[in-house]
Amino acid sequence: MIAVDIDAGRSIRTVTLDRPDARNALTVEGLEALKSAIEDDEETVIYLTGAGPAFCAGADLSAVGDLDGDRERAAEFARLGQRVARAIEDSPAVVVAGIDGPARGGGLEFALACDVRVGTPDSTYGEPGVTFGLFGAWGGTVRLPRVVGEGDALELALSGRTVDADEALRMGLISRIEDDPRAVAEEIAGNADDALTALKRRIRDDRERATQERLEATAFGELVENHADDIDAVLE
């Protein structure tokens, strides 16, 4: 259901959603396995992708059906997905989503939690929940407007429509379109580990500006100290 491959030389952990026959839709067990695969990481970069012709269709609707209309069980299912998204967002590693084919519902929400989203020309994106009376509840209502802005977030979520890679790029839903998204993960992994960690921590910080600026200056000072020789080499 979740496959993990470690490239120790490049310090990249590839986490693959591995249910291609179900477009990599996630059950409770799949969510728990994904959370463990993210949290067990010791590499600099996590590359999150899907097996087969889809990135992820989101929640397995049979798992939703098994909730039997129970409000509290449904809320707990949502909270589990939210914990997975937070694990992705809060990971000390840089998490790169490599999206090929459909990213729908919860699949899109997990991509939104990643630090970098790279789609292939064949990737497509949507929050179709509204078309059958639901909506993405794995943090999508928080992250979607933060990533694309309120206007595009409302239109995409309220219509339930699908957008292609070009429109997703225009919206800011993805950062780049590449035939091989993994190449972006490898590019990022080639940078200094401590600089990547510091950058992610600072850019992700949502505290008040004064605190962010203080911590930013501290992190910059630490990096200048750690990389004094590298700086001198650039200046020569």
C-alpha atoms as a PDB file:
ATOM      1  CA  MET A   1       0.000   0.000   0.000  1.00  0.00           C
ATOM      2  CA  ILE A   2       2.924   2.326   0.806  1.00  0.00           C
ATOM      3  CA  ALA A   3       6.334   1.552  -0.664  1.00  0.00           C
ATOM      4  CA  VAL A   4       9.542   3.150   0.597  1.00  0.00           C
ATOM      5  CA  ASP A   5      12.870   3.306  -1.215  1.00  0.00           C
ATOM      6  CA  ILE A   6      15.967   5.034   0.166  1.00  0.00           C
ATOM      7  CA  ASP A   7      18.686   6.532  -2.002  1.00  0.00           C
ATOM      8  CA  ALA A   8      21.320   7.020   0.690  1.00  0.00           C
ATOM      9  CA  GLY A   9      23.818   8.524  -1.737  1.00  0.00           C
ATOM     10  CA  ARG A  10      21.512  11.410  -2.581  1.00  0.00           C
ATOM     11  CA  SER A  11      19.747  11.392   0.828  1.00  0.00           C
ATOM     12  CA  ILE A  12      16.324  10.973  -0.798  1.00  0.00           C
ATOM     13  CA  ARG A  13      13.530   8.805   0.551  1.00  0.00           C
ATOM     14  CA  THR A  14      10.921   7.940  -2.075  1.00  0.00           C
ATOM     15  CA  VAL A  15       7.497   7.263  -0.585  1.00  0.00           C
ATOM     16  CA  THR A  16       5.138   5.754  -3.148  1.00  0.00           C
ATOM     17  CA  LEU A  17       1.381   5.442  -2.758  1.00  0.00           C
ATOM     18  CA  ASP A  18       1.124   1.909  -4.104  1.00  0.00           C
ATOM     19  CA  ARG A  19      -2.472   0.908  -4.915  1.00  0.00           C
ATOM     20  CA  PRO A  20      -2.493   1.534  -8.657  1.00  0.00           C
ATOM     21  CA  ASP A  21      -5.629  -0.576  -9.178  1.00  0.00           C
ATOM     22  CA  ALA A  22      -7.499   1.879  -6.921  1.00  0.00           C
ATOM     23  CA  ARG A  23      -5.717   5.010  -8.223  1.00  0.00           C
ATOM     24  CA  ASN A  24      -3.780   4.978  -4.933  1.00  0.00           C
ATOM     25  CA  ALA A  25      -6.868   5.819  -2.866  1.00  0.00           C
ATOM     26  CA  LEU A  26      -6.186   5.690   0.859  1.00  0.00           C
ATOM     27  CA  THR A  27      -7.867   3.609   3.543  1.00  0.00           C
ATOM     28  CA  VAL A  28      -7.355   4.044   7.281  1.00  0.00           C
ATOM     29  CA  GLU A  29      -4.500   1.538   7.126  1.00  0.00           C
ATOM     30  CA  GLY A  30      -2.972   3.373   4.183  1.00  0.00           C
ATOM     31  CA  LEU A  31      -3.147   6.697   6.006  1.00  0.00           C
ATOM     32  CA  GLU A  32      -1.432   5.252   9.054  1.00  0.00           C
ATOM     33  CA  ALA A  33       1.266   3.633   6.905  1.00  0.00           C
ATOM     34  CA  LEU A  34       1.855   6.889   5.035  1.00  0.00           C
ATOM     35  CA  LYS A  35       2.214   8.818   8.285  1.00  0.00           C
ATOM     36  CA  SER A  36       4.788   6.293   9.535  1.00  0.00           C
ATOM     37  CA  ALA A  37       6.716   6.434   6.261  1.00  0.00           C
ATOM     38  CA  ILE A  38       6.945  10.220   6.509  1.00  0.00           C
ATOM     39  CA  GLU A  39       7.805  10.359  10.207  1.00  0.00           C
ATOM     40  CA  ASP A  40      10.466   7.622   9.993  1.00  0.00           C
ATOM     41  CA  ASP A  41      12.449   9.707   7.525  1.00  0.00           C
ATOM     42  CA  GLU A  42      16.106  10.497   8.193  1.00  0.00           C
ATOM     43  CA  GLU A  43      16.910  11.746   4.700  1.00  0.00           C
ATOM     44  CA  THR A  44      17.198  15.350   3.507  1.00  0.00           C
ATOM     45  CA  VAL A  45      14.431  15.063   0.916  1.00  0.00           C
ATOM     46  CA  ILE A  46      11.251  13.000   0.745  1.00  0.00           C
ATOM     47  CA  TYR A  47       9.875  12.393  -2.735  1.00  0.00           C
ATOM     48  CA  LEU A  48       6.151  11.598  -2.530  1.00  0.00           C
ATOM     49  CA  THR A  49       4.618  10.028  -5.613  1.00  0.00           C
ATOM     50  CA  GLY A  50       2.022   7.523  -6.801  1.00  0.00           C
ATOM     51  CA  ALA A  51       2.310   4.178  -8.567  1.00  0.00           C
ATOM     52  CA  GLY A  52       0.677   3.680 -11.944  1.00  0.00           C
ATOM     53  CA  PRO A  53      -1.365   6.230 -13.879  1.00  0.00           C
ATOM     54  CA  ALA A  54      -2.502   8.356 -10.896  1.00  0.00           C
ATOM     55  CA  PHE A  55      -0.921  10.319  -8.078  1.00  0.00           C
ATOM     56  CA  CYS A  56      -3.760   9.780  -5.604  1.00  0.00           C
ATOM     57  CA  ALA A  57      -7.557   9.700  -5.835  1.00  0.00           C
ATOM     58  CA  GLY A  58      -7.865  10.732  -2.175  1.00  0.00           C
ATOM     59  CA  ALA A  59      -9.887   8.786   0.357  1.00  0.00           C
ATOM     60  CA  ASP A  60     -11.053   5.328  -0.594  1.00  0.00           C
ATOM     61  CA  LEU A  61     -14.822   5.842  -0.846  1.00  0.00           C
ATOM     62  CA  SER A  62     -15.418   2.346   0.508  1.00  0.00           C
ATOM     63  CA  ALA A  63     -13.691   3.482   3.704  1.00  0.00           C
ATOM     64  CA  VAL A  64     -16.017   6.485   3.812  1.00  0.00           C
ATOM     65  CA  GLY A  65     -18.986   4.160   3.245  1.00  0.00           C
ATOM     66  CA  ASP A  66     -17.846   1.987   6.137  1.00  0.00           C
ATOM     67  CA  LEU A  67     -18.373   4.954   8.452  1.00  0.00           C
ATOM     68  CA  ASP A  68     -22.121   4.220   8.185  1.00  0.00           C
ATOM     69  CA  GLY A  69     -23.034   7.868   8.422  1.00  0.00           C
ATOM     70  CA  ASP A  70     -21.615   8.095  11.962  1.00  0.00           C
ATOM     71  CA  ARG A  71     -20.703  11.747  12.573  1.00  0.00           C
ATOM     72  CA  GLU A  72     -17.968  11.146  15.150  1.00  0.00           C
ATOM     73  CA  ARG A  73     -16.329   8.327  13.218  1.00  0.00           C
ATOM     74  CA  ALA A  74     -16.353  10.522  10.121  1.00  0.00           C
ATOM     75  CA  ALA A  75     -14.767  13.374  12.064  1.00  0.00           C
ATOM     76  CA  GLU A  76     -12.055  11.022  13.358  1.00  0.00           C
ATOM     77  CA  PHE A  77     -11.371   9.861   9.794  1.00  0.00           C
ATOM     78  CA  ALA A  78     -10.926  13.515   8.836  1.00  0.00           C
ATOM     79  CA  ARG A  79      -8.644  14.102  11.829  1.00  0.00           C
ATOM     80  CA  LEU A  80      -6.487  11.129  10.811  1.00  0.00           C
ATOM     81  CA  GLY A  81      -6.020  12.597   7.338  1.00  0.00           C
ATOM     82  CA  GLN A  82      -5.210  15.952   8.917  1.00  0.00           C
ATOM     83  CA  ARG A  83      -2.519  14.335  11.074  1.00  0.00           C
ATOM     84  CA  VAL A  84      -0.941  12.821   7.970  1.00  0.00           C
ATOM     85  CA  ALA A  85      -0.966  16.200   6.200  1.00  0.00           C
ATOM     86  CA  ARG A  86       0.620  17.840   9.254  1.00  0.00           C
ATOM     87  CA  ALA A  87       3.305  15.132   9.341  1.00  0.00           C
ATOM     88  CA  ILE A  88       4.142  16.003   5.725  1.00  0.00           C
ATOM     89  CA  GLU A  89       4.135  19.729   6.395  1.00  0.00           C
ATOM     90  CA  ASP A  90       6.087  19.504   9.661  1.00  0.00           C
ATOM     91  CA  SER A  91       8.689  16.992   8.491  1.00  0.00           C
ATOM     92  CA  PRO A  92      12.249  18.313   8.880  1.00  0.00           C
ATOM     93  CA  ALA A  93      12.888  16.944   5.385  1.00  0.00           C
ATOM     94  CA  VAL A  94      11.956  18.878   2.283  1.00  0.00           C
ATOM     95  CA  VAL A  95       8.940  17.053   0.844  1.00  0.00           C
ATOM     96  CA  VAL A  96       8.561  17.139  -2.933  1.00  0.00           C
ATOM     97  CA  ALA A  97       5.348  15.885  -4.533  1.00  0.00           C
ATOM     98  CA  GLY A  98       5.880  14.311  -7.930  1.00  0.00           C
ATOM     99  CA  ILE A  99       2.407  14.345  -9.504  1.00  0.00           C
ATOM    100  CA  ASP A 100       1.602  12.321 -12.597  1.00  0.00           C
ATOM    101  CA  GLY A 101      -2.017  11.758 -13.576  1.00  0.00           C
ATOM    102  CA  PRO A 102      -4.939  12.671 -11.306  1.00  0.00           C
ATOM    103  CA  ALA A 103      -4.531  14.283  -7.886  1.00  0.00           C
ATOM    104  CA  ARG A 104      -8.027  14.413  -6.434  1.00  0.00           C
ATOM    105  CA  GLY A 105      -9.525  15.287  -3.067  1.00  0.00           C
ATOM    106  CA  GLY A 106      -7.258  14.025  -0.318  1.00  0.00           C
ATOM    107  CA  GLY A 107      -4.526  13.367  -2.858  1.00  0.00           C
ATOM    108  CA  LEU A 108      -4.498  17.040  -3.752  1.00  0.00           C
ATOM    109  CA  GLU A 109      -4.632  17.943  -0.068  1.00  0.00           C
ATOM    110  CA  PHE A 110      -1.511  15.901   0.669  1.00  0.00           C
ATOM    111  CA  ALA A 111       0.219  17.538  -2.299  1.00  0.00           C
ATOM    112  CA  LEU A 112      -0.715  20.930  -0.822  1.00  0.00           C
ATOM    113  CA  ALA A 113       1.027  19.935   2.420  1.00  0.00           C
ATOM    114  CA  CYS A 114       4.270  19.266   0.519  1.00  0.00           C
ATOM    115  CA  ASP A 115       6.938  21.942   0.250  1.00  0.00           C
ATOM    116  CA  VAL A 116       7.298  21.689  -3.530  1.00  0.00           C
ATOM    117  CA  ARG A 117       4.739  20.390  -6.028  1.00  0.00           C
ATOM    118  CA  VAL A 118       5.935  19.305  -9.463  1.00  0.00           C
ATOM    119  CA  GLY A 119       3.476  18.010 -12.050  1.00  0.00           C
ATOM    120  CA  THR A 120       3.989  16.203 -15.312  1.00  0.00           C
ATOM    121  CA  PRO A 121       2.245  17.487 -18.459  1.00  0.00           C
ATOM    122  CA  ASP A 122      -0.370  14.738 -17.896  1.00  0.00           C
ATOM    123  CA  SER A 123      -1.158  15.696 -14.298  1.00  0.00           C
ATOM    124  CA  THR A 124      -4.640  16.954 -13.371  1.00  0.00           C
ATOM    125  CA  TYR A 125      -6.043  18.417 -10.169  1.00  0.00           C
ATOM    126  CA  GLY A 126      -9.417  18.737  -8.500  1.00  0.00           C
ATOM    127  CA  GLU A 127     -11.489  18.811  -5.326  1.00  0.00           C
ATOM    128  CA  PRO A 128     -14.588  16.917  -6.531  1.00  0.00           C
ATOM    129  CA  GLY A 129     -16.124  16.291  -3.103  1.00  0.00           C
ATOM    130  CA  VAL A 130     -18.763  18.982  -3.501  1.00  0.00           C
ATOM    131  CA  THR A 131     -20.261  17.079  -6.456  1.00  0.00           C
ATOM    132  CA  PHE A 132     -21.432  14.347  -4.074  1.00  0.00           C
ATOM    133  CA  GLY A 133     -22.118  16.467  -1.009  1.00  0.00           C
ATOM    134  CA  LEU A 134     -18.721  16.413   0.721  1.00  0.00           C
ATOM    135  CA  PHE A 135     -15.499  18.412   0.697  1.00  0.00           C
ATOM    136  CA  GLY A 136     -11.818  17.773   1.299  1.00  0.00           C
ATOM    137  CA  ALA A 137     -11.337  17.621   5.063  1.00  0.00           C
ATOM    138  CA  TRP A 138      -7.662  16.673   5.314  1.00  0.00           C
ATOM    139  CA  GLY A 139      -6.613  20.301   5.707  1.00  0.00           C
ATOM    140  CA  GLY A 140      -7.619  21.354   2.218  1.00  0.00           C
ATOM    141  CA  THR A 141      -9.841  24.245   3.268  1.00  0.00           C
ATOM    142  CA  VAL A 142      -6.845  25.693   5.139  1.00  0.00           C
ATOM    143  CA  ARG A 143      -4.043  25.046   2.648  1.00  0.00           C
ATOM    144  CA  LEU A 144      -5.786  25.575  -0.690  1.00  0.00           C
ATOM    145  CA  PRO A 145      -6.479  29.321  -0.194  1.00  0.00           C
ATOM    146  CA  ARG A 146      -3.032  29.758   1.339  1.00  0.00           C
ATOM    147  CA  VAL A 147      -1.427  28.287  -1.789  1.00  0.00           C
ATOM    148  CA  VAL A 148      -3.576  29.676  -4.623  1.00  0.00           C
ATOM    149  CA  GLY A 149      -5.443  32.584  -3.011  1.00  0.00           C
ATOM    150  CA  GLU A 150      -9.013  32.764  -1.827  1.00  0.00           C
ATOM    151  CA  GLY A 151     -10.594  33.446  -5.214  1.00  0.00           C
ATOM    152  CA  ASP A 152      -9.132  30.475  -7.058  1.00  0.00           C
ATOM    153  CA  ALA A 153      -9.590  28.260  -3.985  1.00  0.00           C
ATOM    154  CA  LEU A 154     -13.289  29.050  -3.768  1.00  0.00           C
ATOM    155  CA  GLU A 155     -13.878  28.584  -7.487  1.00  0.00           C
ATOM    156  CA  LEU A 156     -12.010  25.268  -7.620  1.00  0.00           C
ATOM    157  CA  ALA A 157     -13.655  23.841  -4.498  1.00  0.00           C
ATOM    158  CA  LEU A 158     -17.189  25.124  -5.162  1.00  0.00           C
ATOM    159  CA  SER A 159     -17.265  23.969  -8.789  1.00  0.00           C
ATOM    160  CA  GLY A 160     -15.612  20.601  -8.212  1.00  0.00           C
ATOM    161  CA  ARG A 161     -14.011  20.938 -11.636  1.00  0.00           C
ATOM    162  CA  THR A 162     -10.681  19.518 -12.777  1.00  0.00           C
ATOM    163  CA  VAL A 163      -7.759  21.655 -13.974  1.00  0.00           C
ATOM    164  CA  ASP A 164      -4.861  20.579 -16.145  1.00  0.00           C
ATOM    165  CA  ALA A 165      -1.166  21.137 -15.465  1.00  0.00           C
ATOM    166  CA  ASP A 166      -0.997  24.470 -17.292  1.00  0.00           C
ATOM    167  CA  GLU A 167      -3.875  25.950 -15.309  1.00  0.00           C
ATOM    168  CA  ALA A 168      -2.511  24.493 -12.082  1.00  0.00           C
ATOM    169  CA  LEU A 169       0.791  26.236 -12.799  1.00  0.00           C
ATOM    170  CA  ARG A 170      -0.993  29.521 -13.467  1.00  0.00           C
ATOM    171  CA  MET A 171      -2.826  29.239 -10.150  1.00  0.00           C
ATOM    172  CA  GLY A 172       0.333  28.426  -8.240  1.00  0.00           C
ATOM    173  CA  LEU A 173      -1.072  25.026  -7.376  1.00  0.00           C
ATOM    174  CA  ILE A 174       2.168  23.509  -8.703  1.00  0.00           C
ATOM    175  CA  SER A 175       5.604  25.091  -8.970  1.00  0.00           C
ATOM    176  CA  ARG A 176       6.854  23.447 -12.149  1.00  0.00           C
ATOM    177  CA  ILE A 177       5.859  21.119 -14.974  1.00  0.00           C
ATOM    178  CA  GLU A 178       8.476  18.464 -15.684  1.00  0.00           C
ATOM    179  CA  ASP A 179       8.506  15.164 -17.542  1.00  0.00           C
ATOM    180  CA  ASP A 180      10.490  13.728 -14.614  1.00  0.00           C
ATOM    181  CA  PRO A 181       9.479  15.381 -11.327  1.00  0.00           C
ATOM    182  CA  ARG A 182      12.021  13.315  -9.384  1.00  0.00           C
ATOM    183  CA  ALA A 183      14.782  15.351 -11.025  1.00  0.00           C
ATOM    184  CA  VAL A 184      13.579  18.329  -8.973  1.00  0.00           C
ATOM    185  CA  ALA A 185      13.903  16.300  -5.760  1.00  0.00           C
ATOM    186  CA  GLU A 186      17.451  15.364  -6.775  1.00  0.00           C
ATOM    187  CA  GLU A 187      18.244  18.994  -7.576  1.00  0.00           C
ATOM    188  CA  ILE A 188      17.075  20.110  -4.127  1.00  0.00           C
ATOM    189  CA  ALA A 189      18.880  17.257  -2.376  1.00  0.00           C
ATOM    190  CA  GLY A 190      22.144  18.510  -3.881  1.00  0.00           C
ATOM    191  CA  ASN A 191      22.071  21.554  -1.601  1.00  0.00           C
ATOM    192  CA  ALA A 192      23.397  21.804   1.951  1.00  0.00           C
ATOM    193  CA  ASP A 193      21.264  19.857   4.439  1.00  0.00           C
ATOM    194  CA  ASP A 194      21.361  22.509   7.149  1.00  0.00           C
ATOM    195  CA  ALA A 195      20.451  25.304   4.737  1.00  0.00           C
ATOM    196  CA  LEU A 196      17.453  23.329   3.467  1.00  0.00           C
ATOM    197  CA  THR A 197      16.274  22.640   7.014  1.00  0.00           C
ATOM    198  CA  ALA A 198      16.668  26.291   8.030  1.00  0.00           C
ATOM    199  CA  LEU A 199      14.888  27.572   4.937  1.00  0.00           C
ATOM    200  CA  LYS A 200      11.940  25.234   5.377  1.00  0.00           C
ATOM    201  CA  ARG A 201      11.620  26.125   9.058  1.00  0.00           C
ATOM    202  CA  ARG A 202      11.711  29.851   8.391  1.00  0.00           C
ATOM    203  CA  ILE A 203       9.380  29.894   5.376  1.00  0.00           C
ATOM    204  CA  ARG A 204       6.882  27.608   7.119  1.00  0.00           C
ATOM    205  CA  ASP A 205       6.866  29.702  10.298  1.00  0.00           C
ATOM    206  CA  ASP A 206       3.469  31.352  10.731  1.00  0.00           C
ATOM    207  CA  ARG A 207       4.175  33.282  13.911  1.00  0.00           C
ATOM    208  CA  GLU A 208       4.142  37.082  14.105  1.00  0.00           C
ATOM    209  CA  ARG A 209       6.605  38.936  11.888  1.00  0.00           C
ATOM    210  CA  ALA A 210       8.967  40.127  14.644  1.00  0.00           C
ATOM    211  CA  THR A 211       9.497  36.582  15.895  1.00  0.00           C
ATOM    212  CA  GLN A 212       9.991  35.281  12.359  1.00  0.00           C
ATOM    213  CA  GLU A 213      12.542  37.988  11.541  1.00  0.00           C
ATOM    214  CA  ARG A 214      14.484  37.335  14.751  1.00  0.00           C
ATOM    215  CA  LEU A 215      14.643  33.614  14.061  1.00  0.00           C
ATOM    216  CA  GLU A 216      15.491  34.242  10.415  1.00  0.00           C
ATOM    217  CA  ALA A 217      18.492  36.379  11.421  1.00  0.00           C
ATOM    218  CA  THR A 218      19.642  33.735  13.908  1.00  0.00           C
ATOM    219  CA  ALA A 219      19.406  30.975  11.328  1.00  0.00           C
ATOM    220  CA  PHE A 220      21.281  33.088   8.776  1.00  0.00           C
ATOM    221  CA  GLY A 221      24.060  33.728  11.276  1.00  0.00           C
ATOM    222  CA  GLU A 222      24.397  30.028  11.973  1.00  0.00           C
ATOM    223  CA  LEU A 223      24.632  29.204   8.275  1.00  0.00           C
ATOM    224  CA  VAL A 224      27.244  31.882   7.624  1.00  0.00           C
ATOM    225  CA  GLU A 225      29.325  30.410  10.438  1.00  0.00           C
ATOM    226  CA  ASN A 226      28.855  26.831   9.193  1.00  0.00           C
ATOM    227  CA  HIS A 227      29.640  27.661   5.562  1.00  0.00           C
ATOM    228  CA  ALA A 228      32.403  30.254   5.890  1.00  0.00           C
ATOM    229  CA  ASP A 229      34.748  28.196   3.718  1.00  0.00           C
ATOM    230  CA  ASP A 230      32.074  27.760   1.017  1.00  0.00           C
ATOM    231  CA  ILE A 231      31.465  31.515   0.962  1.00  0.00           C
ATOM    232  CA  ASP A 232      35.184  32.207   0.641  1.00  0.00           C
ATOM    233  CA  ALA A 233      35.374  29.762  -2.272  1.00  0.00           C
ATOM    234  CA  VAL A 234      32.601  31.611  -4.103  1.00  0.00           C
ATOM    235  CA  LEU A 235      34.366  34.929  -3.575  1.00  0.00           C
ATOM    236  CA  GLU A 236      37.708  33.724  -4.937  1.00  0.00           C
END
